[in-house]
Amino acid sequence: MLAFLETFQVGGNRRRTERRTLKLIVEGSTERTPGIQVEISNISRTGMLVQTSADLSAGDRLVLELPETGKAEAEVIWSRGQQFGCNFVIPISLAGVSAALLQSPTLTIRSADHTSFVRPSWSSPRRQFLFYSTLASTIAVLIILAMYVAADLLRAS
């Protein structure tokens, strides 16, 4: 699974939830076509924009295997070429959206004034765990050193 992500706040349109732009390639299927490759271009709790070469039309049901969520069923609402706007039949959890974000090697956050920045990616939860555990250990060592320095200063006065 490969993902690239851009986050932005949607304003002034019909969408009910924040969309997160990404490139996440997952397996999917319809009643007519099993085993299709689908690229998710944006996702929220309630819907997504996908691209696929599969023959889909409004009203079709698409079942995708999403990180953390597992199988998620979405209804195609509109199509434009190989792009399809879909609503999830049952909204996915925030954990499901977050899991898709964690699959992303990069993240760009776009602010209201259209400036942006990129944060380092976490290619795996293990890498994220190693980073935070190393950070926690470093902070603990610094606290212990500060305590020794404070004790020395108290003895000296």
N, C-alpha and C. Protein backbone atom coordinates (compact mmCIF):
# COMPACT_ATOMS: atom_id res chain seq x y z
N MET A 1 0.84 -1.16 0.00
CA MET A 1 0.00 0.00 0.00
C MET A 1 0.89 1.23 0.00
N LEU A 2 0.64 2.21 -0.85
CA LEU A 2 1.45 3.41 -0.96
C LEU A 2 0.54 4.61 -0.85
N ALA A 3 0.95 5.62 -0.08
CA ALA A 3 0.10 6.79 0.09
C ALA A 3 0.91 8.06 0.16
N PHE A 4 0.36 9.13 -0.43
CA PHE A 4 0.87 10.49 -0.30
C PHE A 4 -0.30 11.32 0.15
N LEU A 5 -0.10 12.24 1.08
CA LEU A 5 -1.22 12.90 1.73
C LEU A 5 -1.09 14.40 1.76
N GLU A 6 -2.19 15.10 1.52
CA GLU A 6 -2.26 16.53 1.70
C GLU A 6 -3.54 16.80 2.49
N THR A 7 -3.46 17.64 3.51
CA THR A 7 -4.61 17.92 4.35
C THR A 7 -5.04 19.37 4.13
N PHE A 8 -6.35 19.59 4.04
CA PHE A 8 -6.85 20.95 3.94
C PHE A 8 -8.26 20.99 4.47
N GLN A 9 -8.69 22.17 4.90
CA GLN A 9 -10.04 22.36 5.40
C GLN A 9 -10.92 22.80 4.25
N VAL A 10 -11.99 22.10 4.03
CA VAL A 10 -12.91 22.44 2.96
C VAL A 10 -13.93 23.42 3.51
N GLY A 11 -14.15 24.49 2.82
CA GLY A 11 -15.13 25.46 3.27
C GLY A 11 -16.02 25.88 2.12
N GLY A 12 -17.26 26.25 2.44
CA GLY A 12 -18.15 26.79 1.45
C GLY A 12 -18.64 25.80 0.41
N ASN A 13 -18.77 24.52 0.77
CA ASN A 13 -19.34 23.56 -0.17
C ASN A 13 -20.25 22.59 0.57
N ARG A 14 -20.73 21.56 -0.12
CA ARG A 14 -21.73 20.65 0.44
C ARG A 14 -21.15 19.62 1.39
N ARG A 15 -19.84 19.48 1.45
CA ARG A 15 -19.24 18.43 2.25
C ARG A 15 -19.47 18.68 3.73
N ARG A 16 -19.73 17.59 4.44
CA ARG A 16 -20.00 17.67 5.87
C ARG A 16 -18.76 17.51 6.72
N THR A 17 -17.72 16.90 6.17
CA THR A 17 -16.51 16.63 6.94
C THR A 17 -15.27 17.03 6.17
N GLU A 18 -14.19 17.23 6.91
CA GLU A 18 -12.91 17.62 6.32
C GLU A 18 -12.39 16.52 5.40
N ARG A 19 -11.93 16.91 4.22
CA ARG A 19 -11.34 15.97 3.27
C ARG A 19 -9.83 16.01 3.44
N ARG A 20 -9.22 14.86 3.32
CA ARG A 20 -7.76 14.76 3.36
C ARG A 20 -7.31 14.19 2.03
N THR A 21 -6.54 14.98 1.31
CA THR A 21 -6.07 14.57 -0.01
C THR A 21 -4.87 13.66 0.14
N LEU A 22 -4.89 12.54 -0.54
CA LEU A 22 -3.81 11.58 -0.47
C LEU A 22 -3.77 10.73 -1.72
N LYS A 23 -2.78 9.89 -1.79
CA LYS A 23 -2.69 8.90 -2.87
C LYS A 23 -2.49 7.56 -2.17
N LEU A 24 -3.58 6.84 -2.00
CA LEU A 24 -3.57 5.56 -1.30
C LEU A 24 -4.11 4.50 -2.25
N ILE A 25 -3.31 3.52 -2.55
CA ILE A 25 -3.72 2.46 -3.49
C ILE A 25 -4.15 1.24 -2.68
N VAL A 26 -5.40 0.81 -2.90
CA VAL A 26 -5.97 -0.31 -2.16
C VAL A 26 -6.68 -1.26 -3.13
N GLU A 27 -7.00 -2.44 -2.62
CA GLU A 27 -7.78 -3.41 -3.39
C GLU A 27 -9.26 -3.14 -3.17
N GLY A 28 -10.03 -3.36 -4.22
CA GLY A 28 -11.47 -3.16 -4.12
C GLY A 28 -12.21 -4.14 -5.00
N SER A 29 -13.54 -4.10 -4.88
CA SER A 29 -14.37 -4.96 -5.72
C SER A 29 -15.78 -4.39 -5.82
N THR A 30 -16.47 -4.80 -6.87
CA THR A 30 -17.89 -4.51 -7.03
C THR A 30 -18.58 -5.85 -7.23
N GLU A 31 -19.89 -5.82 -7.34
CA GLU A 31 -20.61 -7.07 -7.60
C GLU A 31 -20.17 -7.69 -8.93
N ARG A 32 -19.89 -6.84 -9.92
CA ARG A 32 -19.51 -7.32 -11.25
C ARG A 32 -18.02 -7.59 -11.41
N THR A 33 -17.19 -6.85 -10.65
CA THR A 33 -15.75 -6.90 -10.87
C THR A 33 -14.99 -7.09 -9.56
N PRO A 34 -14.53 -8.30 -9.27
CA PRO A 34 -13.71 -8.49 -8.07
C PRO A 34 -12.24 -8.15 -8.36
N GLY A 35 -11.49 -7.86 -7.31
CA GLY A 35 -10.04 -7.69 -7.42
C GLY A 35 -9.58 -6.52 -8.27
N ILE A 36 -10.15 -5.33 -8.08
CA ILE A 36 -9.71 -4.17 -8.84
C ILE A 36 -8.79 -3.30 -7.98
N GLN A 37 -7.89 -2.58 -8.64
CA GLN A 37 -7.01 -1.65 -7.95
C GLN A 37 -7.66 -0.28 -7.96
N VAL A 38 -7.71 0.34 -6.78
CA VAL A 38 -8.36 1.64 -6.62
C VAL A 38 -7.38 2.60 -5.96
N GLU A 39 -7.28 3.80 -6.51
CA GLU A 39 -6.46 4.84 -5.91
C GLU A 39 -7.38 5.85 -5.25
N ILE A 40 -7.24 6.00 -3.94
CA ILE A 40 -8.04 6.98 -3.19
C ILE A 40 -7.31 8.31 -3.28
N SER A 41 -8.01 9.34 -3.79
CA SER A 41 -7.41 10.67 -3.95
C SER A 41 -7.72 11.59 -2.78
N ASN A 42 -8.88 11.40 -2.14
CA ASN A 42 -9.17 12.09 -0.89
C ASN A 42 -10.13 11.25 -0.08
N ILE A 43 -10.11 11.48 1.24
CA ILE A 43 -10.93 10.65 2.13
C ILE A 43 -11.38 11.48 3.32
N SER A 44 -12.55 11.15 3.82
CA SER A 44 -13.07 11.70 5.06
C SER A 44 -13.85 10.57 5.73
N ARG A 45 -14.46 10.86 6.84
CA ARG A 45 -15.28 9.84 7.51
C ARG A 45 -16.47 9.43 6.65
N THR A 46 -16.97 10.35 5.82
CA THR A 46 -18.22 10.09 5.10
C THR A 46 -18.07 9.76 3.63
N GLY A 47 -16.89 9.97 3.06
CA GLY A 47 -16.77 9.70 1.64
C GLY A 47 -15.34 9.78 1.14
N MET A 48 -15.20 9.62 -0.18
CA MET A 48 -13.87 9.63 -0.78
C MET A 48 -13.98 9.89 -2.28
N LEU A 49 -12.87 10.31 -2.84
CA LEU A 49 -12.72 10.43 -4.28
C LEU A 49 -11.74 9.36 -4.70
N VAL A 50 -12.15 8.52 -5.66
CA VAL A 50 -11.29 7.43 -6.10
C VAL A 50 -11.06 7.51 -7.60
N GLN A 51 -9.98 6.86 -8.02
CA GLN A 51 -9.68 6.70 -9.43
C GLN A 51 -9.45 5.23 -9.68
N THR A 52 -10.06 4.72 -10.74
CA THR A 52 -9.88 3.32 -11.11
C THR A 52 -10.24 3.15 -12.57
N SER A 53 -9.68 2.13 -13.18
CA SER A 53 -10.03 1.83 -14.57
C SER A 53 -11.27 0.95 -14.66
N ALA A 54 -11.80 0.53 -13.51
CA ALA A 54 -13.00 -0.32 -13.50
C ALA A 54 -14.19 0.46 -14.06
N ASP A 55 -15.13 -0.26 -14.63
CA ASP A 55 -16.34 0.34 -15.20
C ASP A 55 -17.35 0.56 -14.08
N LEU A 56 -17.42 1.79 -13.55
CA LEU A 56 -18.34 2.13 -12.46
C LEU A 56 -19.30 3.21 -12.93
N SER A 57 -20.47 3.24 -12.33
CA SER A 57 -21.42 4.32 -12.61
C SER A 57 -22.17 4.64 -11.33
N ALA A 58 -22.87 5.78 -11.33
CA ALA A 58 -23.62 6.22 -10.15
C ALA A 58 -24.55 5.11 -9.69
N GLY A 59 -24.55 4.88 -8.36
CA GLY A 59 -25.38 3.85 -7.77
C GLY A 59 -24.66 2.54 -7.51
N ASP A 60 -23.52 2.33 -8.17
CA ASP A 60 -22.75 1.10 -7.93
C ASP A 60 -22.19 1.11 -6.51
N ARG A 61 -22.03 -0.08 -5.96
CA ARG A 61 -21.42 -0.24 -4.63
C ARG A 61 -20.00 -0.74 -4.81
N LEU A 62 -19.08 -0.09 -4.13
CA LEU A 62 -17.66 -0.41 -4.18
C LEU A 62 -17.22 -0.82 -2.79
N VAL A 63 -16.60 -1.98 -2.67
CA VAL A 63 -16.09 -2.45 -1.38
C VAL A 63 -14.57 -2.38 -1.43
N LEU A 64 -13.99 -1.65 -0.45
CA LEU A 64 -12.55 -1.45 -0.39
C LEU A 64 -12.01 -2.00 0.91
N GLU A 65 -10.77 -2.45 0.87
CA GLU A 65 -10.05 -2.90 2.07
C GLU A 65 -9.20 -1.71 2.54
N LEU A 66 -9.66 -1.07 3.64
CA LEU A 66 -8.96 0.11 4.16
C LEU A 66 -8.17 -0.23 5.42
N PRO A 67 -7.05 0.45 5.65
CA PRO A 67 -6.29 0.21 6.87
C PRO A 67 -7.16 0.49 8.10
N GLU A 68 -7.03 -0.34 9.12
CA GLU A 68 -7.76 -0.22 10.40
C GLU A 68 -9.25 -0.50 10.26
N THR A 69 -9.87 -0.03 9.19
CA THR A 69 -11.31 -0.17 8.99
C THR A 69 -11.67 -1.56 8.50
N GLY A 70 -10.80 -2.13 7.67
CA GLY A 70 -11.13 -3.40 7.03
C GLY A 70 -12.00 -3.11 5.81
N LYS A 71 -13.01 -3.94 5.60
CA LYS A 71 -13.88 -3.74 4.44
C LYS A 71 -14.82 -2.57 4.69
N ALA A 72 -14.83 -1.64 3.74
CA ALA A 72 -15.71 -0.48 3.81
C ALA A 72 -16.49 -0.41 2.49
N GLU A 73 -17.80 -0.27 2.60
CA GLU A 73 -18.64 -0.20 1.41
C GLU A 73 -19.02 1.24 1.13
N ALA A 74 -18.88 1.63 -0.14
CA ALA A 74 -19.21 3.00 -0.55
C ALA A 74 -20.08 2.95 -1.80
N GLU A 75 -20.94 3.94 -1.91
CA GLU A 75 -21.80 4.07 -3.09
C GLU A 75 -21.24 5.15 -3.99
N VAL A 76 -21.14 4.85 -5.28
CA VAL A 76 -20.69 5.84 -6.26
C VAL A 76 -21.80 6.86 -6.44
N ILE A 77 -21.48 8.13 -6.22
CA ILE A 77 -22.47 9.21 -6.34
C ILE A 77 -22.36 9.90 -7.69
N TRP A 78 -21.14 10.08 -8.17
CA TRP A 78 -20.91 10.71 -9.46
C TRP A 78 -19.64 10.15 -10.09
N SER A 79 -19.53 10.36 -11.40
CA SER A 79 -18.31 9.93 -12.10
C SER A 79 -17.93 10.96 -13.14
N ARG A 80 -16.62 11.05 -13.37
CA ARG A 80 -16.06 11.91 -14.40
C ARG A 80 -14.85 11.18 -14.95
N GLY A 81 -15.01 10.50 -16.07
CA GLY A 81 -13.93 9.69 -16.61
C GLY A 81 -13.64 8.53 -15.68
N GLN A 82 -12.39 8.46 -15.21
CA GLN A 82 -12.01 7.40 -14.28
C GLN A 82 -11.99 7.87 -12.83
N GLN A 83 -12.59 9.04 -12.56
CA GLN A 83 -12.73 9.53 -11.19
C GLN A 83 -14.16 9.32 -10.72
N PHE A 84 -14.28 8.92 -9.44
CA PHE A 84 -15.60 8.61 -8.89
C PHE A 84 -15.73 9.19 -7.49
N GLY A 85 -16.78 9.97 -7.28
CA GLY A 85 -17.09 10.48 -5.95
C GLY A 85 -17.97 9.47 -5.24
N CYS A 86 -17.58 9.07 -4.03
CA CYS A 86 -18.29 8.01 -3.31
C CYS A 86 -18.64 8.46 -1.90
N ASN A 87 -19.78 7.97 -1.41
CA ASN A 87 -20.16 8.14 0.00
C ASN A 87 -20.10 6.78 0.66
N PHE A 88 -19.49 6.72 1.86
CA PHE A 88 -19.49 5.47 2.59
C PHE A 88 -20.91 5.14 3.04
N VAL A 89 -21.31 3.89 2.90
CA VAL A 89 -22.63 3.45 3.34
C VAL A 89 -22.74 3.65 4.85
N ILE A 90 -21.70 3.27 5.57
CA ILE A 90 -21.57 3.53 7.01
C ILE A 90 -20.29 4.35 7.18
N PRO A 91 -20.39 5.57 7.75
CA PRO A 91 -19.18 6.38 7.90
C PRO A 91 -18.07 5.60 8.61
N ILE A 92 -16.82 5.82 8.16
CA ILE A 92 -15.69 5.15 8.80
C ILE A 92 -15.28 5.94 10.03
N SER A 93 -14.56 5.30 10.92
CA SER A 93 -14.13 5.96 12.15
C SER A 93 -12.97 6.92 11.88
N LEU A 94 -12.75 7.82 12.85
CA LEU A 94 -11.58 8.69 12.76
C LEU A 94 -10.30 7.86 12.79
N ALA A 95 -10.34 6.73 13.50
CA ALA A 95 -9.19 5.83 13.52
C ALA A 95 -8.90 5.30 12.12
N GLY A 96 -9.94 5.03 11.35
CA GLY A 96 -9.77 4.57 9.98
C GLY A 96 -9.14 5.64 9.09
N VAL A 97 -9.59 6.89 9.27
CA VAL A 97 -8.98 8.00 8.52
C VAL A 97 -7.53 8.15 8.95
N SER A 98 -7.27 8.11 10.26
CA SER A 98 -5.91 8.24 10.78
C SER A 98 -5.01 7.11 10.28
N ALA A 99 -5.54 5.91 10.21
CA ALA A 99 -4.75 4.77 9.72
C ALA A 99 -4.32 5.00 8.27
N ALA A 100 -5.22 5.57 7.47
CA ALA A 100 -4.85 5.90 6.09
C ALA A 100 -3.74 6.95 6.09
N LEU A 101 -3.81 7.90 7.02
CA LEU A 101 -2.77 8.93 7.12
C LEU A 101 -1.44 8.31 7.51
N LEU A 102 -1.46 7.35 8.41
CA LEU A 102 -0.22 6.71 8.84
C LEU A 102 0.42 5.88 7.74
N GLN A 103 -0.35 5.51 6.73
CA GLN A 103 0.21 4.77 5.60
C GLN A 103 0.95 5.71 4.65
N SER A 104 0.84 7.01 4.91
CA SER A 104 1.43 8.01 4.02
C SER A 104 2.89 8.24 4.30
N PRO A 105 3.73 8.18 3.28
CA PRO A 105 5.13 8.52 3.49
C PRO A 105 5.37 10.01 3.63
N THR A 106 4.43 10.86 3.16
CA THR A 106 4.57 12.31 3.32
C THR A 106 3.25 12.92 3.70
N LEU A 107 3.31 14.09 4.30
CA LEU A 107 2.12 14.83 4.70
C LEU A 107 2.34 16.29 4.40
N THR A 108 1.43 16.92 3.68
CA THR A 108 1.46 18.36 3.48
C THR A 108 0.19 18.93 4.08
N ILE A 109 0.33 19.91 4.93
CA ILE A 109 -0.84 20.56 5.52
C ILE A 109 -0.96 21.93 4.88
N ARG A 110 -2.10 22.21 4.31
CA ARG A 110 -2.34 23.48 3.66
C ARG A 110 -3.22 24.33 4.56
N SER A 111 -2.73 25.51 4.93
CA SER A 111 -3.49 26.39 5.82
C SER A 111 -4.45 27.25 5.01
N ALA A 112 -5.26 28.02 5.73
CA ALA A 112 -6.27 28.85 5.07
C ALA A 112 -5.65 29.87 4.13
N ASP A 113 -4.43 30.36 4.46
CA ASP A 113 -3.78 31.35 3.59
C ASP A 113 -2.92 30.68 2.51
N HIS A 114 -3.10 29.37 2.32
CA HIS A 114 -2.46 28.59 1.26
C HIS A 114 -0.95 28.43 1.41
N THR A 115 -0.42 28.71 2.61
CA THR A 115 0.97 28.34 2.86
C THR A 115 0.95 26.88 3.25
N SER A 116 2.07 26.22 3.14
CA SER A 116 2.07 24.80 3.47
C SER A 116 3.41 24.40 4.04
N PHE A 117 3.43 23.26 4.71
CA PHE A 117 4.67 22.67 5.18
C PHE A 117 4.53 21.17 5.11
N VAL A 118 5.66 20.49 5.15
CA VAL A 118 5.68 19.04 5.06
C VAL A 118 6.32 18.50 6.32
N ARG A 119 5.73 17.50 6.94
CA ARG A 119 6.33 16.85 8.10
C ARG A 119 6.95 15.53 7.66
N PRO A 120 7.94 15.06 8.42
CA PRO A 120 8.53 13.77 8.06
C PRO A 120 7.47 12.67 8.10
N SER A 121 7.66 11.67 7.31
CA SER A 121 6.68 10.59 7.24
C SER A 121 7.02 9.48 8.22
N TRP A 122 6.04 8.68 8.50
CA TRP A 122 6.21 7.45 9.28
C TRP A 122 5.88 6.33 8.33
N SER A 123 6.88 5.62 7.88
CA SER A 123 6.59 4.57 6.92
C SER A 123 6.00 3.34 7.59
N SER A 124 6.13 3.26 8.93
CA SER A 124 5.51 2.13 9.63
C SER A 124 5.25 2.53 11.07
N PRO A 125 4.27 1.90 11.73
CA PRO A 125 4.03 2.18 13.15
C PRO A 125 5.26 1.85 14.00
N ARG A 126 6.04 0.83 13.59
CA ARG A 126 7.24 0.47 14.34
C ARG A 126 8.23 1.62 14.34
N ARG A 127 8.40 2.27 13.19
CA ARG A 127 9.31 3.41 13.08
C ARG A 127 8.85 4.55 13.98
N GLN A 128 7.55 4.80 14.01
CA GLN A 128 6.99 5.84 14.87
C GLN A 128 7.25 5.49 16.33
N PHE A 129 7.03 4.23 16.71
CA PHE A 129 7.27 3.80 18.08
C PHE A 129 8.73 4.00 18.47
N LEU A 130 9.65 3.62 17.57
CA LEU A 130 11.08 3.78 17.86
C LEU A 130 11.45 5.25 18.05
N PHE A 131 10.88 6.12 17.24
CA PHE A 131 11.15 7.54 17.38
C PHE A 131 10.71 8.04 18.74
N TYR A 132 9.45 7.76 19.12
CA TYR A 132 8.94 8.27 20.38
C TYR A 132 9.61 7.62 21.58
N SER A 133 9.96 6.35 21.51
CA SER A 133 10.63 5.71 22.64
C SER A 133 12.04 6.28 22.81
N THR A 134 12.72 6.56 21.70
CA THR A 134 14.04 7.19 21.77
C THR A 134 13.93 8.61 22.33
N LEU A 135 12.94 9.34 21.91
CA LEU A 135 12.71 10.68 22.42
C LEU A 135 12.43 10.65 23.92
N ALA A 136 11.59 9.73 24.36
CA ALA A 136 11.27 9.61 25.79
C ALA A 136 12.52 9.25 26.60
N SER A 137 13.34 8.37 26.09
CA SER A 137 14.58 7.99 26.79
C SER A 137 15.52 9.18 26.90
N THR A 138 15.64 9.95 25.84
CA THR A 138 16.50 11.12 25.85
C THR A 138 16.01 12.15 26.86
N ILE A 139 14.73 12.38 26.91
CA ILE A 139 14.16 13.32 27.87
C ILE A 139 14.39 12.83 29.29
N ALA A 140 14.23 11.54 29.53
CA ALA A 140 14.47 10.98 30.87
C ALA A 140 15.92 11.19 31.30
N VAL A 141 16.87 10.98 30.40
CA VAL A 141 18.28 11.19 30.72
C VAL A 141 18.54 12.66 31.04
N LEU A 142 17.95 13.56 30.27
CA LEU A 142 18.12 14.99 30.52
C LEU A 142 17.54 15.39 31.88
N ILE A 143 16.43 14.82 32.26
CA ILE A 143 15.83 15.12 33.56
C ILE A 143 16.74 14.63 34.69
N ILE A 144 17.27 13.44 34.54
CA ILE A 144 18.19 12.90 35.56
C ILE A 144 19.43 13.77 35.68
N LEU A 145 20.00 14.18 34.54
CA LEU A 145 21.17 15.07 34.58
C LEU A 145 20.83 16.39 35.26
N ALA A 146 19.67 16.94 34.97
CA ALA A 146 19.25 18.20 35.60
C ALA A 146 19.11 18.02 37.11
N MET A 147 18.64 16.86 37.55
CA MET A 147 18.51 16.60 39.00
C MET A 147 19.88 16.54 39.66
N TYR A 148 20.85 15.90 39.01
CA TYR A 148 22.22 15.84 39.55
C TYR A 148 22.83 17.24 39.64
N VAL A 149 22.64 18.05 38.60
CA VAL A 149 23.17 19.41 38.62
C VAL A 149 22.50 20.21 39.74
N ALA A 150 21.20 20.08 39.90
CA ALA A 150 20.48 20.80 40.96
C ALA A 150 20.97 20.34 42.33
N ALA A 151 21.19 19.05 42.51
CA ALA A 151 21.69 18.54 43.80
C ALA A 151 23.09 19.08 44.09
N ASP A 152 23.96 19.12 43.08
CA ASP A 152 25.30 19.69 43.26
C ASP A 152 25.22 21.17 43.63
N LEU A 153 24.34 21.89 43.00
CA LEU A 153 24.19 23.32 43.31
C LEU A 153 23.69 23.53 44.73
N LEU A 154 22.79 22.68 45.19
CA LEU A 154 22.28 22.79 46.57
C LEU A 154 23.37 22.46 47.58
N ARG A 155 24.20 21.46 47.31
CA ARG A 155 25.29 21.11 48.20
C ARG A 155 26.34 22.22 48.25
N ALA A 156 26.56 22.88 47.13
CA ALA A 156 27.56 23.92 47.06
C ALA A 156 27.13 25.19 47.80
N SER A 157 25.83 25.41 47.99
CA SER A 157 25.38 26.63 48.64
C SER A 157 25.12 26.48 50.08
